[in-house]
Structures are given as structure tokens and as C-alpha cells.
Amino acid sequence: MAKYKAKTNFFMEKTGQQFDVNNVYEMTAAEADEINRQTLAEYGDNWLEEIESDVVPGLSENPDYLI
């Protein structure tokens, strides 16, 4: 899980979540990447900015990495 700051106000219809500018939201990198992929394709900009990550540099986020 990581923390992301919304760069604008927007509503994600798929999840029903409202994002408000400058508010911080906790989600997985995969969730944030999907949102940013969609907003980049539609509006030309990433609307979430990562501000804090729990990922240790050099380690994969893939849970199969430890198996």
C-alpha cells in the first residue's frame, strides 16, 4: 500500500470513489496505476501523485516473489 495525493477533483465511476484535490488516499500501486492509465489516456495527465510508498527498493511488489 502507498499514499497518493489527488491532483484534481474527480469521480471514478467504476469504483464509485470520489477523489478531491490535495486529499491523500491509500491504495495499492496497481490501483493507482490503473487510475493514472485511464486519466492519461482520456485527459493527457496522471491525476494521482505518489507521496509515500511502503515498497522496499529492489523488491518486487509481486507476492509470488517470495515463493
C-alpha atoms as a PDB file:
ATOM      1  CA  MET A   1       0.000   0.000   0.000  1.00  0.00           C
ATOM      2  CA  ALA A   2       1.092   3.522  -0.732  1.00  0.00           C
ATOM      3  CA  LYS A   3      -0.314   7.021  -0.304  1.00  0.00           C
ATOM      4  CA  TYR A   4      -1.365   9.126  -3.277  1.00  0.00           C
ATOM      5  CA  LYS A   5      -2.480  12.744  -3.471  1.00  0.00           C
ATOM      6  CA  ALA A   6      -5.229  13.705  -5.911  1.00  0.00           C
ATOM      7  CA  LYS A   7      -4.100  16.436  -8.313  1.00  0.00           C
ATOM      8  CA  THR A   8      -7.702  17.352  -9.237  1.00  0.00           C
ATOM      9  CA  ASN A   9     -11.286  16.571  -8.240  1.00  0.00           C
ATOM     10  CA  PHE A  10     -12.679  13.520  -9.992  1.00  0.00           C
ATOM     11  CA  PHE A  11     -15.077  10.603  -9.605  1.00  0.00           C
ATOM     12  CA  MET A  12     -14.176   7.037 -10.614  1.00  0.00           C
ATOM     13  CA  GLU A  13     -17.419   5.554 -11.870  1.00  0.00           C
ATOM     14  CA  LYS A  14     -16.012   2.001 -11.886  1.00  0.00           C
ATOM     15  CA  THR A  15     -15.314   2.043  -8.128  1.00  0.00           C
ATOM     16  CA  GLY A  16     -17.742   4.743  -7.015  1.00  0.00           C
ATOM     17  CA  GLN A  17     -14.949   6.651  -5.306  1.00  0.00           C
ATOM     18  CA  GLN A  18     -14.765  10.441  -5.218  1.00  0.00           C
ATOM     19  CA  PHE A  19     -11.272  11.970  -5.209  1.00  0.00           C
ATOM     20  CA  ASP A  20     -10.804  15.543  -4.002  1.00  0.00           C
ATOM     21  CA  VAL A  21      -7.861  17.752  -4.920  1.00  0.00           C
ATOM     22  CA  ASN A  22      -4.953  17.639  -2.417  1.00  0.00           C
ATOM     23  CA  ASN A  23      -6.569  14.860  -0.338  1.00  0.00           C
ATOM     24  CA  VAL A  24      -4.446  11.791   0.342  1.00  0.00           C
ATOM     25  CA  TYR A  25      -5.702   8.277  -0.411  1.00  0.00           C
ATOM     26  CA  GLU A  26      -4.158   4.927   0.470  1.00  0.00           C
ATOM     27  CA  MET A  27      -4.233   2.271  -2.248  1.00  0.00           C
ATOM     28  CA  THR A  28      -2.067  -0.286  -3.956  1.00  0.00           C
ATOM     29  CA  ALA A  29       0.309   0.740  -6.718  1.00  0.00           C
ATOM     30  CA  ALA A  30      -1.754  -1.367  -9.122  1.00  0.00           C
ATOM     31  CA  GLU A  31      -4.928   0.589  -8.282  1.00  0.00           C
ATOM     32  CA  ALA A  32      -3.192   3.951  -8.689  1.00  0.00           C
ATOM     33  CA  ASP A  33      -1.507   2.835 -11.912  1.00  0.00           C
ATOM     34  CA  GLU A  34      -4.882   1.813 -13.373  1.00  0.00           C
ATOM     35  CA  ILE A  35      -6.456   5.156 -12.458  1.00  0.00           C
ATOM     36  CA  ASN A  36      -3.492   7.068 -13.877  1.00  0.00           C
ATOM     37  CA  ARG A  37      -3.530   4.936 -17.028  1.00  0.00           C
ATOM     38  CA  GLN A  38      -7.169   5.845 -17.611  1.00  0.00           C
ATOM     39  CA  THR A  39      -6.788   9.557 -16.882  1.00  0.00           C
ATOM     40  CA  LEU A  40      -3.643   9.790 -19.001  1.00  0.00           C
ATOM     41  CA  ALA A  41      -5.380   8.149 -21.963  1.00  0.00           C
ATOM     42  CA  GLU A  42      -8.511  10.286 -21.643  1.00  0.00           C
ATOM     43  CA  TYR A  43      -7.155  13.634 -20.392  1.00  0.00           C
ATOM     44  CA  GLY A  44      -3.399  13.534 -21.001  1.00  0.00           C
ATOM     45  CA  ASP A  45      -2.323  13.696 -17.356  1.00  0.00           C
ATOM     46  CA  ASN A  46      -1.889  11.496 -14.290  1.00  0.00           C
ATOM     47  CA  TRP A  47      -4.358  12.594 -11.618  1.00  0.00           C
ATOM     48  CA  LEU A  48      -2.746  10.768  -8.692  1.00  0.00           C
ATOM     49  CA  GLU A  49       0.702  11.581  -7.355  1.00  0.00           C
ATOM     50  CA  GLU A  50       2.541   9.108  -5.118  1.00  0.00           C
ATOM     51  CA  ILE A  51       3.647  10.771  -1.907  1.00  0.00           C
ATOM     52  CA  GLU A  52       4.606   7.765   0.240  1.00  0.00           C
ATOM     53  CA  SER A  53       5.386   4.148  -0.564  1.00  0.00           C
ATOM     54  CA  ASP A  54       5.760   1.099   1.658  1.00  0.00           C
ATOM     55  CA  VAL A  55       7.698  -0.721  -1.063  1.00  0.00           C
ATOM     56  CA  VAL A  56      11.295  -1.561  -0.193  1.00  0.00           C
ATOM     57  CA  PRO A  57      13.566  -0.528  -3.081  1.00  0.00           C
ATOM     58  CA  GLY A  58      14.834  -3.529  -5.007  1.00  0.00           C
ATOM     59  CA  LEU A  59      11.994  -5.847  -4.004  1.00  0.00           C
ATOM     60  CA  SER A  60       9.142  -6.789  -6.278  1.00  0.00           C
ATOM     61  CA  GLU A  61       5.525  -5.992  -5.290  1.00  0.00           C
ATOM     62  CA  ASN A  62       4.558  -9.357  -6.762  1.00  0.00           C
ATOM     63  CA  PRO A  63       3.616 -11.728  -3.898  1.00  0.00           C
ATOM     64  CA  ASP A  64       4.998 -14.671  -5.935  1.00  0.00           C
ATOM     65  CA  TYR A  65       8.456 -13.112  -5.480  1.00  0.00           C
ATOM     66  CA  LEU A  66       8.747 -14.734  -2.035  1.00  0.00           C
ATOM     67  CA  ILE A  67       7.654 -18.213  -3.095  1.00  0.00           C
END
